[in-house]
Amino acid sequence: MSTRSSISLKNSEGQFETIYCHSDGYLEHNGRILLEYYTTYEDVKRLMELGDLSLLAKNLYPDPAVMHRFGNEQDGVCVAYGRDRREVGTEAQITTTIGCEQEYNYVFQDGVWSYFTDSVNNKTTLTPENVM
């Protein structure tokens, strides 16, 4: 069974760009990766450009010299539904609010990651202590 998550970025227009991630959404995996490898607005914006994910990893882009497709992924590389599974309609959703639709919901806003599980009103700042 997968631990689903959403990953959102509050963009420069004040809207939320949100993608879905199917696997390993818990704090010790997705939370840790977001906190360690996606630390700037630009990093998170590039992540949003991949669209919905099967798996979040520390690297956005595969080595072009090596095959990277769903079922034959490169270690440490995100697996995107659009790029790697050739699915359509997987782009980031842009909304004015964020919801609590997944087991873990991560938000990057003003340079800080936070998360919530049951209500957007119960956001907690993502820190090294809560991802270990």
C-alpha atoms as a PDB file:
ATOM      1  CA  MET A   1       0.000   0.000   0.000  1.00  0.00           C
ATOM      2  CA  SER A   2       1.288   3.445  -0.911  1.00  0.00           C
ATOM      3  CA  THR A   3       1.499   6.520   1.277  1.00  0.00           C
ATOM      4  CA  ARG A   4       0.129   9.263  -0.953  1.00  0.00           C
ATOM      5  CA  SER A   5       1.061  12.912  -0.649  1.00  0.00           C
ATOM      6  CA  SER A   6       0.565  16.264  -2.283  1.00  0.00           C
ATOM      7  CA  ILE A   7       3.345  18.772  -2.817  1.00  0.00           C
ATOM      8  CA  SER A   8       2.402  22.435  -3.225  1.00  0.00           C
ATOM      9  CA  LEU A   9       4.239  25.640  -4.029  1.00  0.00           C
ATOM     10  CA  LYS A  10       2.781  29.054  -3.293  1.00  0.00           C
ATOM     11  CA  ASN A  11       3.790  30.842  -6.479  1.00  0.00           C
ATOM     12  CA  SER A  12       4.610  34.490  -7.121  1.00  0.00           C
ATOM     13  CA  GLU A  13       0.954  35.213  -8.006  1.00  0.00           C
ATOM     14  CA  GLY A  14      -0.204  33.943  -4.611  1.00  0.00           C
ATOM     15  CA  GLN A  15      -1.710  30.772  -6.071  1.00  0.00           C
ATOM     16  CA  PHE A  16      -0.834  27.200  -5.156  1.00  0.00           C
ATOM     17  CA  GLU A  17       0.677  24.836  -7.700  1.00  0.00           C
ATOM     18  CA  THR A  18       0.082  21.285  -6.509  1.00  0.00           C
ATOM     19  CA  ILE A  19       1.248  17.879  -7.689  1.00  0.00           C
ATOM     20  CA  TYR A  20       0.323  14.412  -6.465  1.00  0.00           C
ATOM     21  CA  CYS A  21       2.933  11.856  -5.382  1.00  0.00           C
ATOM     22  CA  HIS A  22       1.820   8.236  -5.173  1.00  0.00           C
ATOM     23  CA  SER A  23       4.563   6.565  -3.119  1.00  0.00           C
ATOM     24  CA  ASP A  24       6.485   7.113   0.100  1.00  0.00           C
ATOM     25  CA  GLY A  25       4.751  10.335   1.136  1.00  0.00           C
ATOM     26  CA  TYR A  26       5.611   9.962   4.821  1.00  0.00           C
ATOM     27  CA  LEU A  27       7.870  12.460   6.592  1.00  0.00           C
ATOM     28  CA  GLU A  28      10.953  10.222   6.715  1.00  0.00           C
ATOM     29  CA  HIS A  29      10.985   9.873   2.915  1.00  0.00           C
ATOM     30  CA  ASN A  30       9.251  12.686   0.991  1.00  0.00           C
ATOM     31  CA  GLY A  31       9.560  15.135   3.877  1.00  0.00           C
ATOM     32  CA  ARG A  32      13.284  14.474   4.188  1.00  0.00           C
ATOM     33  CA  ILE A  33      13.887  14.698   0.422  1.00  0.00           C
ATOM     34  CA  LEU A  34      11.969  17.973   0.121  1.00  0.00           C
ATOM     35  CA  LEU A  35      13.809  19.483   3.073  1.00  0.00           C
ATOM     36  CA  GLU A  36      17.258  18.375   1.861  1.00  0.00           C
ATOM     37  CA  TYR A  37      17.081  18.753  -1.932  1.00  0.00           C
ATOM     38  CA  TYR A  38      14.300  21.203  -2.795  1.00  0.00           C
ATOM     39  CA  THR A  39      15.353  24.231  -0.787  1.00  0.00           C
ATOM     40  CA  THR A  40      14.674  27.210  -3.052  1.00  0.00           C
ATOM     41  CA  TYR A  41      11.687  28.554  -4.945  1.00  0.00           C
ATOM     42  CA  GLU A  42      13.454  27.701  -8.209  1.00  0.00           C
ATOM     43  CA  ASP A  43      14.077  24.079  -7.114  1.00  0.00           C
ATOM     44  CA  VAL A  44      10.432  23.598  -6.176  1.00  0.00           C
ATOM     45  CA  LYS A  45       9.227  25.332  -9.359  1.00  0.00           C
ATOM     46  CA  ARG A  46      11.231  22.819 -11.440  1.00  0.00           C
ATOM     47  CA  LEU A  47       9.679  19.986  -9.412  1.00  0.00           C
ATOM     48  CA  MET A  48       6.196  21.368 -10.191  1.00  0.00           C
ATOM     49  CA  GLU A  49       7.074  21.337 -13.904  1.00  0.00           C
ATOM     50  CA  LEU A  50       7.397  17.520 -13.770  1.00  0.00           C
ATOM     51  CA  GLY A  51       3.751  17.223 -12.746  1.00  0.00           C
ATOM     52  CA  ASP A  52       2.336  14.298 -10.790  1.00  0.00           C
ATOM     53  CA  LEU A  53       4.856  11.766  -9.523  1.00  0.00           C
ATOM     54  CA  SER A  54       4.946   8.072  -8.930  1.00  0.00           C
ATOM     55  CA  LEU A  55       8.052   8.601  -6.765  1.00  0.00           C
ATOM     56  CA  LEU A  56       9.891  11.648  -5.399  1.00  0.00           C
ATOM     57  CA  ALA A  57      13.692  11.455  -5.392  1.00  0.00           C
ATOM     58  CA  LYS A  58      16.638  13.789  -4.927  1.00  0.00           C
ATOM     59  CA  ASN A  59      17.224  14.291  -8.662  1.00  0.00           C
ATOM     60  CA  LEU A  60      14.682  15.692 -11.108  1.00  0.00           C
ATOM     61  CA  TYR A  61      16.349  14.620 -14.323  1.00  0.00           C
ATOM     62  CA  PRO A  62      17.776  11.263 -15.380  1.00  0.00           C
ATOM     63  CA  ASP A  63      21.113  10.747 -17.069  1.00  0.00           C
ATOM     64  CA  PRO A  64      20.150  11.052 -20.757  1.00  0.00           C
ATOM     65  CA  ALA A  65      22.608   8.299 -21.685  1.00  0.00           C
ATOM     66  CA  VAL A  66      20.765   5.744 -19.524  1.00  0.00           C
ATOM     67  CA  MET A  67      17.198   4.415 -19.910  1.00  0.00           C
ATOM     68  CA  HIS A  68      14.751   5.909 -17.412  1.00  0.00           C
ATOM     69  CA  ARG A  69      11.134   4.808 -17.661  1.00  0.00           C
ATOM     70  CA  PHE A  70       8.496   3.543 -15.243  1.00  0.00           C
ATOM     71  CA  GLY A  71       9.577   0.027 -14.301  1.00  0.00           C
ATOM     72  CA  ASN A  72      13.153   0.761 -15.364  1.00  0.00           C
ATOM     73  CA  GLU A  73      14.034   3.826 -13.302  1.00  0.00           C
ATOM     74  CA  GLN A  74      17.418   5.278 -12.533  1.00  0.00           C
ATOM     75  CA  ASP A  75      18.201   5.256  -8.816  1.00  0.00           C
ATOM     76  CA  GLY A  76      17.728   8.619  -7.139  1.00  0.00           C
ATOM     77  CA  VAL A  77      15.630  10.138  -9.949  1.00  0.00           C
ATOM     78  CA  CYS A  78      11.998  11.252  -9.692  1.00  0.00           C
ATOM     79  CA  VAL A  79       9.512   9.095 -11.566  1.00  0.00           C
ATOM     80  CA  ALA A  80       6.937  11.349 -13.244  1.00  0.00           C
ATOM     81  CA  TYR A  81       3.628  10.139 -14.658  1.00  0.00           C
ATOM     82  CA  GLY A  82       3.922  12.339 -17.745  1.00  0.00           C
ATOM     83  CA  ARG A  83       7.599  12.041 -18.581  1.00  0.00           C
ATOM     84  CA  ASP A  84       8.243   8.460 -17.487  1.00  0.00           C
ATOM     85  CA  ARG A  85       4.866   6.759 -17.894  1.00  0.00           C
ATOM     86  CA  ARG A  86       3.663   8.777 -20.905  1.00  0.00           C
ATOM     87  CA  GLU A  87       0.384   9.633 -19.162  1.00  0.00           C
ATOM     88  CA  VAL A  88      -1.541  12.800 -20.007  1.00  0.00           C
ATOM     89  CA  GLY A  89      -3.281  15.284 -17.737  1.00  0.00           C
ATOM     90  CA  THR A  90      -0.640  15.080 -15.036  1.00  0.00           C
ATOM     91  CA  GLU A  91       0.323  18.752 -14.881  1.00  0.00           C
ATOM     92  CA  ALA A  92       0.409  20.671 -11.618  1.00  0.00           C
ATOM     93  CA  GLN A  93      -3.012  21.931 -10.590  1.00  0.00           C
ATOM     94  CA  ILE A  94      -3.214  25.664  -9.892  1.00  0.00           C
ATOM     95  CA  THR A  95      -5.677  26.808  -7.245  1.00  0.00           C
ATOM     96  CA  THR A  96      -6.184  29.657  -4.806  1.00  0.00           C
ATOM     97  CA  THR A  97      -6.380  27.304  -1.810  1.00  0.00           C
ATOM     98  CA  ILE A  98      -4.906  23.971  -0.806  1.00  0.00           C
ATOM     99  CA  GLY A  99      -6.808  20.999   0.472  1.00  0.00           C
ATOM    100  CA  CYS A 100      -6.215  18.030   2.706  1.00  0.00           C
ATOM    101  CA  GLU A 101      -6.741  15.275   0.168  1.00  0.00           C
ATOM    102  CA  GLN A 102      -3.738  13.021   0.777  1.00  0.00           C
ATOM    103  CA  GLU A 103      -2.220  11.354   3.807  1.00  0.00           C
ATOM    104  CA  TYR A 104       0.590  13.947   3.862  1.00  0.00           C
ATOM    105  CA  ASN A 105       0.372  17.409   2.314  1.00  0.00           C
ATOM    106  CA  TYR A 106       3.547  19.457   1.883  1.00  0.00           C
ATOM    107  CA  VAL A 107       3.618  23.205   1.176  1.00  0.00           C
ATOM    108  CA  PHE A 108       6.573  25.414   0.195  1.00  0.00           C
ATOM    109  CA  GLN A 109       5.794  29.029   1.037  1.00  0.00           C
ATOM    110  CA  ASP A 110       8.102  31.979   1.652  1.00  0.00           C
ATOM    111  CA  GLY A 111      11.165  29.710   1.538  1.00  0.00           C
ATOM    112  CA  VAL A 112       9.899  27.302   4.198  1.00  0.00           C
ATOM    113  CA  TRP A 113       8.448  23.787   3.967  1.00  0.00           C
ATOM    114  CA  SER A 114       5.482  22.862   6.126  1.00  0.00           C
ATOM    115  CA  TYR A 115       3.157  19.888   6.175  1.00  0.00           C
ATOM    116  CA  PHE A 116      -0.246  18.854   7.440  1.00  0.00           C
ATOM    117  CA  THR A 117      -2.140  15.602   7.619  1.00  0.00           C
ATOM    118  CA  ASP A 118      -5.649  16.392   8.763  1.00  0.00           C
ATOM    119  CA  SER A 119      -6.299  20.105   8.262  1.00  0.00           C
ATOM    120  CA  VAL A 120      -4.558  22.967   6.506  1.00  0.00           C
ATOM    121  CA  ASN A 121      -5.086  24.860   9.770  1.00  0.00           C
ATOM    122  CA  ASN A 122      -2.727  22.412  11.520  1.00  0.00           C
ATOM    123  CA  LYS A 123       0.394  23.050   9.443  1.00  0.00           C
ATOM    124  CA  THR A 124       3.720  22.187  11.043  1.00  0.00           C
ATOM    125  CA  THR A 125       7.074  23.507   9.866  1.00  0.00           C
ATOM    126  CA  LEU A 126       9.181  20.765   8.323  1.00  0.00           C
ATOM    127  CA  THR A 127      12.464  20.435  10.253  1.00  0.00           C
ATOM    128  CA  PRO A 128      15.310  17.918  10.358  1.00  0.00           C
ATOM    129  CA  GLU A 129      13.928  16.691  13.687  1.00  0.00           C
ATOM    130  CA  ASN A 130      10.551  15.665  12.285  1.00  0.00           C
ATOM    131  CA  VAL A 131      11.889  13.906   9.173  1.00  0.00           C
ATOM    132  CA  MET A 132      14.287  11.511  10.889  1.00  0.00           C
END
